[in-house]
Protein backbone atom coordinates (compact mmCIF):
# COMPACT_ATOMS: atom_id res chain seq x y z
CA MET A 1 239.82 -46.80 144.75
CA ASN A 2 237.68 -45.01 142.19
CA ILE A 3 234.83 -47.46 141.47
CA LEU A 4 232.12 -47.27 138.81
CA PHE A 5 229.08 -49.19 140.09
CA LEU A 6 226.52 -50.26 137.45
CA SER A 7 222.97 -51.23 138.42
CA ASN A 8 219.92 -52.22 136.40
CA VAL A 9 217.65 -50.73 139.09
CA LEU A 10 217.85 -47.68 141.32
CA PRO A 11 218.80 -49.47 144.57
CA TYR A 12 216.53 -47.49 146.87
CA PRO A 13 214.02 -47.70 148.51
CA LEU A 14 214.63 -51.25 149.73
CA ASP A 15 211.43 -52.77 148.38
CA ALA A 16 212.96 -55.67 146.41
CA GLY A 17 215.64 -58.28 147.03
CA PRO A 18 218.06 -57.12 144.31
CA LYS A 19 217.92 -53.59 145.67
CA VAL A 20 218.90 -54.80 149.13
CA ARG A 21 222.07 -56.49 147.86
CA SER A 22 223.04 -53.49 145.73
CA TYR A 23 222.27 -50.90 148.39
CA TYR A 24 224.31 -52.41 151.20
CA ALA A 25 227.19 -53.25 148.86
CA LEU A 26 227.18 -49.57 147.86
CA ARG A 27 226.99 -48.46 151.49
CA TYR A 28 229.96 -50.60 152.44
CA LEU A 29 232.15 -49.68 149.47
CA ALA A 30 231.38 -45.98 149.81
CA GLN A 31 232.87 -45.99 153.31
CA TYR A 32 236.35 -46.68 151.93
CA HIS A 33 236.23 -45.82 148.22
CA ARG A 34 235.00 -43.14 145.82
CA VAL A 35 231.95 -44.76 144.25
CA THR A 36 230.05 -43.47 141.22
CA LEU A 37 226.65 -45.10 140.68
CA VAL A 38 225.09 -45.35 137.22
CA ALA A 39 221.62 -46.89 137.37
CA HIS A 40 218.62 -47.48 135.19
CA THR A 41 215.62 -45.62 136.56
CA ARG A 42 211.88 -46.13 136.11
CA ALA A 43 208.99 -43.68 136.23
CA SER A 44 208.26 -44.74 139.81
CA ASP A 45 211.74 -43.77 141.05
CA THR A 46 211.74 -40.53 143.01
CA ALA A 47 214.07 -37.56 143.37
CA ALA A 48 214.18 -38.29 147.11
CA ALA A 49 215.54 -41.80 146.43
CA VAL A 50 218.26 -40.38 144.17
CA ALA A 51 219.12 -37.74 146.77
CA HIS A 52 219.48 -40.42 149.44
CA LEU A 53 221.95 -42.38 147.28
CA ARG A 54 223.90 -39.19 146.59
CA SER A 55 224.29 -38.69 150.34
CA PHE A 56 226.96 -41.41 150.41
CA CYS A 57 227.96 -42.00 146.76
CA HIS A 58 230.48 -39.66 145.10
CA ALA A 59 228.02 -39.23 142.20
CA VAL A 60 224.78 -40.78 140.92
CA HIS A 61 223.86 -40.82 137.22
CA CYS A 62 220.38 -41.95 136.12
CA VAL A 63 219.58 -43.52 132.77
CA PRO A 64 215.81 -43.83 132.18
CA ILE A 65 214.49 -47.21 131.07
CA ALA A 66 210.98 -48.20 130.00
CA ARG A 67 209.70 -51.76 129.82
CA SER A 68 206.59 -52.79 127.93
CA PRO A 69 205.06 -55.98 126.52
CA LEU A 70 205.59 -54.61 123.00
CA ARG A 71 209.30 -53.95 123.59
CA ASP A 72 209.70 -57.39 125.17
CA ALA A 73 208.05 -58.96 122.13
CA MET A 74 210.49 -57.16 119.86
CA TYR A 75 213.49 -58.33 121.89
CA PHE A 76 212.09 -61.85 122.01
CA THR A 77 211.65 -61.99 118.23
CA SER A 78 215.13 -60.57 117.64
CA ALA A 79 216.70 -63.03 120.08
CA LEU A 80 214.87 -65.94 118.48
CA LEU A 81 216.06 -65.01 114.98
CA ARG A 82 219.64 -64.37 116.10
CA ARG A 83 219.84 -67.42 118.38
CA GLN A 84 220.51 -65.21 121.37
CA SER A 85 219.26 -65.24 124.94
CA PHE A 86 216.12 -63.12 125.31
CA LEU A 87 217.24 -61.79 128.71
CA VAL A 88 220.68 -60.83 127.41
CA ALA A 89 219.23 -59.11 124.32
CA ARG A 90 216.64 -57.22 126.39
CA ASP A 91 219.24 -55.91 128.83
CA ASN A 92 221.76 -54.57 126.31
CA LEU A 93 220.41 -51.08 125.66
CA ALA A 94 221.99 -48.34 123.54
CA SER A 95 220.97 -45.62 126.02
CA MET A 96 223.06 -47.11 128.82
CA ARG A 97 226.00 -47.84 126.52
CA ALA A 98 226.02 -44.21 125.35
CA ALA A 99 225.78 -42.82 128.88
CA LEU A 100 228.71 -44.94 130.05
CA ALA A 101 230.84 -44.11 127.03
CA ALA A 102 230.35 -40.38 127.71
CA LEU A 103 231.14 -40.78 131.42
CA THR A 104 234.30 -42.89 130.96
CA ALA A 105 235.54 -40.54 128.24
CA ARG A 106 235.86 -37.74 130.80
CA GLN A 107 236.68 -39.75 133.92
CA ALA A 108 238.93 -42.75 134.60
CA PHE A 109 237.98 -45.54 137.02
CA ASP A 110 240.15 -48.07 138.84
CA ALA A 111 237.38 -50.68 138.73
CA ILE A 112 233.94 -51.31 137.26
CA HIS A 113 231.45 -53.20 139.42
CA ALA A 114 228.68 -54.84 137.35
CA ASP A 115 225.75 -55.49 139.65
CA GLN A 116 223.80 -58.48 138.30
CA LEU A 117 224.26 -60.26 134.98
CA SER A 118 222.09 -57.65 133.23
CA THR A 119 224.89 -55.05 133.50
CA ALA A 120 227.79 -57.32 132.52
CA LEU A 121 228.00 -56.32 128.85
CA TYR A 122 227.99 -52.63 129.78
CA ALA A 123 231.02 -53.18 132.02
CA LEU A 124 232.92 -55.09 129.36
CA ALA A 125 232.39 -52.30 126.84
CA GLN A 126 234.37 -49.85 129.01
CA ALA A 127 238.10 -49.75 129.69
CA ALA A 128 239.18 -50.32 133.29
CA PRO A 129 242.09 -52.05 135.07
CA ARG A 130 239.65 -54.29 136.96
CA ARG A 131 236.13 -55.55 136.35
CA VAL A 132 233.95 -57.32 138.92
CA LEU A 133 230.61 -59.05 138.30
CA ASP A 134 228.24 -59.56 141.23
CA GLN A 135 225.96 -62.45 140.24
CA HIS A 136 222.88 -62.13 142.43
CA ASN A 137 221.76 -65.42 140.87
CA ALA A 138 223.02 -68.18 138.64
CA VAL A 139 220.40 -67.02 136.17
CA TRP A 140 220.39 -70.15 134.03
CA THR A 141 219.23 -72.21 137.03
CA ILE A 142 216.16 -70.00 137.51
CA VAL A 143 215.01 -70.53 133.93
CA ASN A 144 215.89 -74.21 134.10
CA ARG A 145 213.67 -74.72 137.16
CA LEU A 146 210.82 -72.87 135.49
CA ALA A 147 211.22 -75.23 132.51
CA GLN A 148 211.05 -78.26 134.80
CA ASN A 149 207.76 -77.02 136.31
CA GLN A 150 206.23 -76.04 132.96
CA THR A 151 203.60 -78.42 131.55
CA PHE A 152 202.83 -76.50 128.33
CA ALA A 153 205.19 -78.08 125.78
CA PRO A 154 205.95 -75.02 123.55
CA LYS A 155 206.71 -72.83 126.56
CA ARG A 156 208.85 -75.60 128.09
CA TRP A 157 210.86 -75.77 124.85
CA LEU A 158 211.45 -72.00 124.90
CA LEU A 159 212.54 -72.08 128.53
CA ARG A 160 214.97 -74.92 127.84
CA ARG A 161 216.37 -72.98 124.89
CA GLU A 162 216.83 -69.90 127.07
CA THR A 163 218.51 -72.05 129.73
CA ALA A 164 221.13 -73.32 127.29
CA LEU A 165 221.83 -69.84 125.91
CA LEU A 166 222.13 -68.29 129.38
CA LYS A 167 224.43 -71.07 130.51
CA ARG A 168 226.75 -70.32 127.60
CA HIS A 169 226.61 -66.59 128.27
CA GLU A 170 227.32 -66.93 131.99
CA ALA A 171 230.28 -69.18 131.27
CA ALA A 172 231.67 -66.50 128.95
CA MET A 173 231.21 -63.83 131.65
CA ASN A 174 233.17 -65.95 134.13
CA GLN A 175 236.13 -65.83 131.80
CA ALA A 176 235.73 -62.15 130.87
CA PHE A 177 235.64 -60.66 134.38
CA ASP A 178 238.57 -60.42 136.78
CA GLN A 179 236.35 -61.47 139.68
CA VAL A 180 232.86 -62.97 139.87
CA LEU A 181 230.87 -62.87 143.12
CA THR A 182 227.96 -65.09 144.09
CA VAL A 183 225.54 -64.81 147.01
CA THR A 184 225.25 -68.55 147.75
CA ASP A 185 227.51 -71.56 147.50
CA GLN A 186 224.81 -73.27 145.43
CA ASP A 187 225.06 -70.53 142.82
CA ARG A 188 228.85 -70.66 142.97
CA ARG A 189 228.79 -74.38 142.16
CA ALA A 190 226.21 -73.81 139.38
CA LEU A 191 228.55 -71.26 137.76
CA GLU A 192 231.76 -73.27 138.04
CA PHE A 193 231.52 -74.77 134.56
CA ALA A 194 234.07 -77.53 134.04
CA ASP A 195 234.50 -76.73 130.35
CA ALA A 196 234.80 -72.96 130.94
CA PRO A 197 236.71 -72.30 134.16
CA PRO A 198 236.48 -68.73 135.51
CA ARG A 199 239.43 -66.37 135.30
CA ALA A 200 239.60 -66.29 139.12
CA PRO A 201 237.96 -68.48 141.80
CA LEU A 202 234.39 -67.41 142.44
CA LEU A 203 233.83 -65.71 145.81
CA THR A 204 230.60 -66.07 147.81
CA ILE A 205 229.38 -63.08 149.84
CA PRO A 206 225.78 -63.55 151.05
CA ILE A 207 223.07 -60.94 150.84
CA CYS A 208 222.77 -59.07 154.13
CA ILE A 209 220.38 -56.58 155.70
CA ASP A 210 220.48 -54.06 158.52
CA PRO A 211 218.54 -55.72 161.35
CA ASP A 212 218.56 -52.42 163.27
CA THR A 213 216.14 -50.93 160.74
CA PHE A 214 213.50 -53.55 161.61
CA GLN A 215 211.50 -53.86 164.79
CA PRO A 216 209.84 -57.16 165.70
CA ILE A 217 206.22 -56.93 164.67
CA ALA A 218 203.78 -56.98 167.57
CA ARG A 219 201.27 -59.35 166.05
CA ASN A 220 197.65 -59.12 167.11
CA ALA A 221 196.47 -61.62 169.70
CA ASP A 222 193.94 -63.05 167.26
CA ALA A 223 196.29 -63.09 164.22
CA GLN A 224 195.22 -66.05 162.08
CA HIS A 225 196.20 -65.21 158.52
CA ILE A 226 198.99 -66.28 156.14
CA GLY A 227 201.21 -63.79 154.36
CA CYS A 228 203.89 -63.56 151.70
CA VAL A 229 205.83 -60.60 150.29
CA GLY A 230 207.72 -60.18 147.01
CA GLY A 231 207.68 -58.87 143.49
CA MET A 232 204.49 -60.48 142.24
CA PHE A 233 205.49 -60.05 138.59
CA TYR A 234 208.60 -62.23 139.00
CA PRO A 235 207.89 -65.63 137.37
CA PRO A 236 209.28 -67.82 140.22
CA ASN A 237 207.15 -65.89 142.73
CA VAL A 238 204.06 -66.24 140.54
CA ASP A 239 204.66 -69.96 140.11
CA GLY A 240 205.12 -70.46 143.86
CA ILE A 241 202.03 -68.49 144.86
CA LEU A 242 199.87 -70.38 142.35
CA TRP A 243 201.21 -73.70 143.65
CA PHE A 244 200.50 -72.71 147.25
CA ALA A 245 197.00 -71.39 146.48
CA ARG A 246 195.97 -74.42 144.41
CA HIS A 247 197.58 -77.29 146.31
CA VAL A 248 198.32 -76.16 149.88
CA LEU A 249 195.66 -73.64 150.88
CA PRO A 250 192.70 -76.01 150.36
CA GLN A 251 194.29 -78.38 152.90
CA VAL A 252 194.83 -75.52 155.36
CA TRP A 253 191.25 -74.35 154.95
CA GLN A 254 189.94 -77.76 155.94
CA GLU A 255 190.92 -76.87 159.53
CA PHE A 256 191.06 -73.07 159.33
CA PRO A 257 188.36 -72.00 156.84
CA GLN A 258 188.44 -68.32 157.91
CA THR A 259 192.17 -67.85 157.38
CA LYS A 260 193.07 -65.34 154.67
CA PHE A 261 196.12 -65.43 152.42
CA HIS A 262 197.70 -61.97 151.95
CA VAL A 263 199.75 -61.73 148.73
CA ILE A 264 201.73 -58.52 149.17
CA GLY A 265 203.89 -57.15 146.37
CA ALA A 266 204.17 -54.90 143.36
CA ARG A 267 202.63 -55.48 139.93
CA PRO A 268 200.83 -58.77 140.59
CA ALA A 269 200.49 -60.97 137.53
CA ARG A 270 197.03 -61.49 136.10
CA GLU A 271 197.02 -65.12 137.26
CA LEU A 272 197.39 -63.89 140.84
CA THR A 273 194.70 -61.22 140.70
CA ARG A 274 192.31 -63.90 139.42
CA LEU A 275 192.92 -65.86 142.63
CA GLY A 276 191.51 -62.97 144.65
CA GLU A 277 188.59 -62.55 142.27
CA ASN A 278 187.65 -66.20 142.69
CA ASP A 279 188.00 -66.41 146.50
CA ALA A 280 187.74 -63.45 148.89
CA ARG A 281 190.04 -65.21 151.33
CA ILE A 282 192.97 -64.57 148.95
CA VAL A 283 193.84 -60.87 149.22
CA VAL A 284 196.16 -59.63 146.45
CA THR A 285 197.19 -56.19 147.65
CA GLY A 286 199.63 -54.95 145.02
CA TYR A 287 202.47 -52.69 146.19
CA VAL A 288 202.30 -51.67 149.85
CA ALA A 289 204.84 -49.11 151.08
CA ASP A 290 204.60 -50.31 154.68
CA PRO A 291 203.22 -53.85 155.07
CA THR A 292 203.39 -53.73 158.89
CA PRO A 293 199.60 -53.34 159.50
CA LEU A 294 198.93 -56.38 157.29
CA LEU A 295 201.73 -58.43 158.86
CA GLN A 296 200.34 -57.75 162.34
CA ASP A 297 197.50 -60.10 161.40
CA VAL A 298 199.81 -62.75 159.90
CA ALA A 299 200.36 -65.88 161.96
CA VAL A 300 202.52 -67.64 159.32
CA PHE A 301 204.84 -66.14 156.70
CA VAL A 302 205.26 -68.47 153.71
CA VAL A 303 207.93 -68.69 150.99
CA PRO A 304 206.51 -71.41 148.68
CA LEU A 305 209.10 -71.18 145.89
CA ARG A 306 209.72 -74.03 143.45
CA ALA A 307 212.11 -72.07 141.22
CA GLY A 308 214.56 -69.24 141.62
CA GLY A 309 218.19 -68.61 142.45
CA GLY A 310 220.33 -66.57 144.77
CA MET A 311 218.94 -65.74 148.22
CA ARG A 312 215.43 -64.85 149.26
CA VAL A 313 215.74 -61.57 151.12
CA LYS A 314 212.11 -61.97 152.15
CA ILE A 315 213.22 -64.65 154.63
CA LEU A 316 215.83 -62.34 156.16
CA ASP A 317 213.22 -59.57 156.39
CA ALA A 318 210.66 -61.92 157.95
CA TRP A 319 213.20 -63.07 160.52
CA ALA A 320 214.14 -59.46 161.31
CA ARG A 321 210.45 -58.69 161.83
CA ALA A 322 210.13 -61.79 164.07
CA LEU A 323 207.64 -63.63 161.87
CA PRO A 324 207.40 -67.45 161.87
CA VAL A 325 208.47 -68.81 158.47
CA VAL A 326 207.49 -71.88 156.44
CA THR A 327 209.48 -72.37 153.25
CA THR A 328 210.52 -74.88 150.62
CA ARG A 329 214.16 -75.91 150.33
CA ILE A 330 214.48 -73.91 147.12
CA GLY A 331 212.92 -70.96 148.95
CA CYS A 332 215.65 -70.94 151.59
CA GLU A 333 218.50 -71.96 149.29
CA GLY A 334 221.78 -70.33 150.30
CA ILE A 335 220.50 -69.37 153.76
CA ALA A 336 221.86 -71.05 156.88
CA LEU A 337 218.44 -72.17 158.06
CA GLN A 338 217.80 -74.69 160.84
CA ASP A 339 214.63 -76.69 160.24
CA GLY A 340 212.44 -76.70 163.33
CA GLU A 341 214.57 -74.07 165.08
CA ASN A 342 214.19 -70.85 163.09
CA ALA A 343 211.82 -71.98 160.30
CA LEU A 344 209.91 -75.01 159.04
CA LEU A 345 210.86 -76.73 155.78
CA ALA A 346 208.39 -78.50 153.49
CA ASP A 347 208.44 -79.29 149.76
CA GLU A 348 205.29 -81.36 149.18
CA PRO A 349 201.80 -79.81 149.40
CA ALA A 350 200.69 -82.07 152.26
CA ASP A 351 203.85 -81.35 154.26
CA PHE A 352 203.63 -77.61 153.63
CA ALA A 353 199.97 -77.58 154.69
CA ARG A 354 200.80 -79.62 157.82
CA ALA A 355 203.56 -77.18 158.84
CA THR A 356 201.32 -74.17 158.22
CA ARG A 357 198.45 -75.65 160.22
CA ALA A 358 200.82 -76.50 163.08
CA LEU A 359 201.85 -72.85 163.47
CA LEU A 360 198.28 -71.59 163.13
CA ARG A 361 197.31 -74.02 165.86
CA ASP A 362 200.23 -73.48 168.25
CA ARG A 363 200.90 -69.79 168.94
CA ALA A 364 203.68 -70.53 171.47
CA ARG A 365 205.64 -72.62 168.97
CA ALA A 366 205.23 -69.95 166.30
CA GLU A 367 206.50 -67.27 168.70
CA GLN A 368 209.57 -69.33 169.61
CA LEU A 369 210.34 -69.90 165.93
CA ALA A 370 210.01 -66.17 165.32
CA ARG A 371 212.33 -65.22 168.21
CA ASN A 372 214.95 -67.69 167.02
CA GLY A 373 214.75 -66.29 163.48
CA ARG A 374 215.27 -62.75 164.73
CA ALA A 375 218.33 -63.75 166.76
CA TRP A 376 219.74 -65.70 163.80
CA VAL A 377 219.54 -62.88 161.28
CA VAL A 378 221.12 -60.43 163.74
CA ALA A 379 224.05 -62.80 164.28
CA ARG A 380 224.59 -64.03 160.72
CA TYR A 381 223.30 -61.51 158.16
CA ASN A 382 224.27 -58.02 159.35
CA TRP A 383 225.91 -56.10 156.49
CA ARG A 384 228.22 -54.13 158.76
CA GLU A 385 230.02 -57.30 159.75
CA THR A 386 229.64 -59.72 156.85
CA TYR A 387 230.42 -57.22 154.08
CA ARG A 388 234.00 -56.87 155.28
CA ALA A 389 234.47 -59.69 152.75
CA PHE A 390 234.35 -56.98 150.04
CA ASP A 391 237.82 -55.92 151.22
CA GLN A 392 239.13 -59.04 149.45
CA VAL A 393 237.77 -57.63 146.20
CA TYR A 394 238.50 -53.93 146.70
CA PRO A 395 241.43 -53.47 149.12
CA ARG A 396 241.11 -50.36 151.26
């Protein structure tokens, strides 16, 4: 098949969860189909990354995109006046629409693959016999959870408004696309609206990685620190880190006062950088191309999320690196995790602190948890095996 694959990010290098899903979906489809990638690119994207994608895609077309607080404010104001979703308005850009119109005018495609909700409207604007939407998240649930955790009344009202508008939009996309994919059964259920049934049954294909690209990290004998990795501009990550730093860390420090908390990830929000300014034991690193040296000193890898959707690739990566994981239930949502076997689950601050202290105290238990996690991700989340499910969507 001749497939047009639309992405809101350049899906390489693999330094963010959405890129991982997009990249390995591309890799699998390109083995059996002629795939043309059209992606938004940022100033940080490199020619080498584009060249790598061209090594297995039929063609790669880049459409530059620039985000800024001023532009976001303009989209927010417009969405508010027009009673539209801010996220939908922000992600419907004339530059991408024009690029796709020019491409489809000179080349026909058998299918258009919209990767994430942010590319859905672009796909619907083009003619094709088949359109597929890969929902990395049930986006309305992410905003809804942020609203539930928000104590500032005006912001809570705005988040609830955005939730309702996104819910309506996602229901409409279910009916507009020939096939909608989800990465977890939880997201599938959240998108199966009773009053707006999808055109076809939703299909769940989990996010996968390539375990062969990771080597178990040889942690230092005296490793005693806590680590987390992610996009530190992403609101659910920011919320989770703040919750952990304010309500869990003080309880950990009662027993382990020298333990540092490494917050590793691009573009940390101002609220996070303040944490490091106020306490030297919280180290906010910003983007790190290779976090291995930092993770060698990490005794516990934490995923303290209270909001979010889809799957947390950071857990799969931590397992592949053989790191012991403590997470909330929302943090591991959609992942076949076994509490006490390949990770520890805790939702309340006292429970999360207790689990973290237990692994800091008991190196042997932490090592066993890490080995089990590594074995689990190799068996269950290897893209070469699991992504055969894409053959149901795009027959060879």
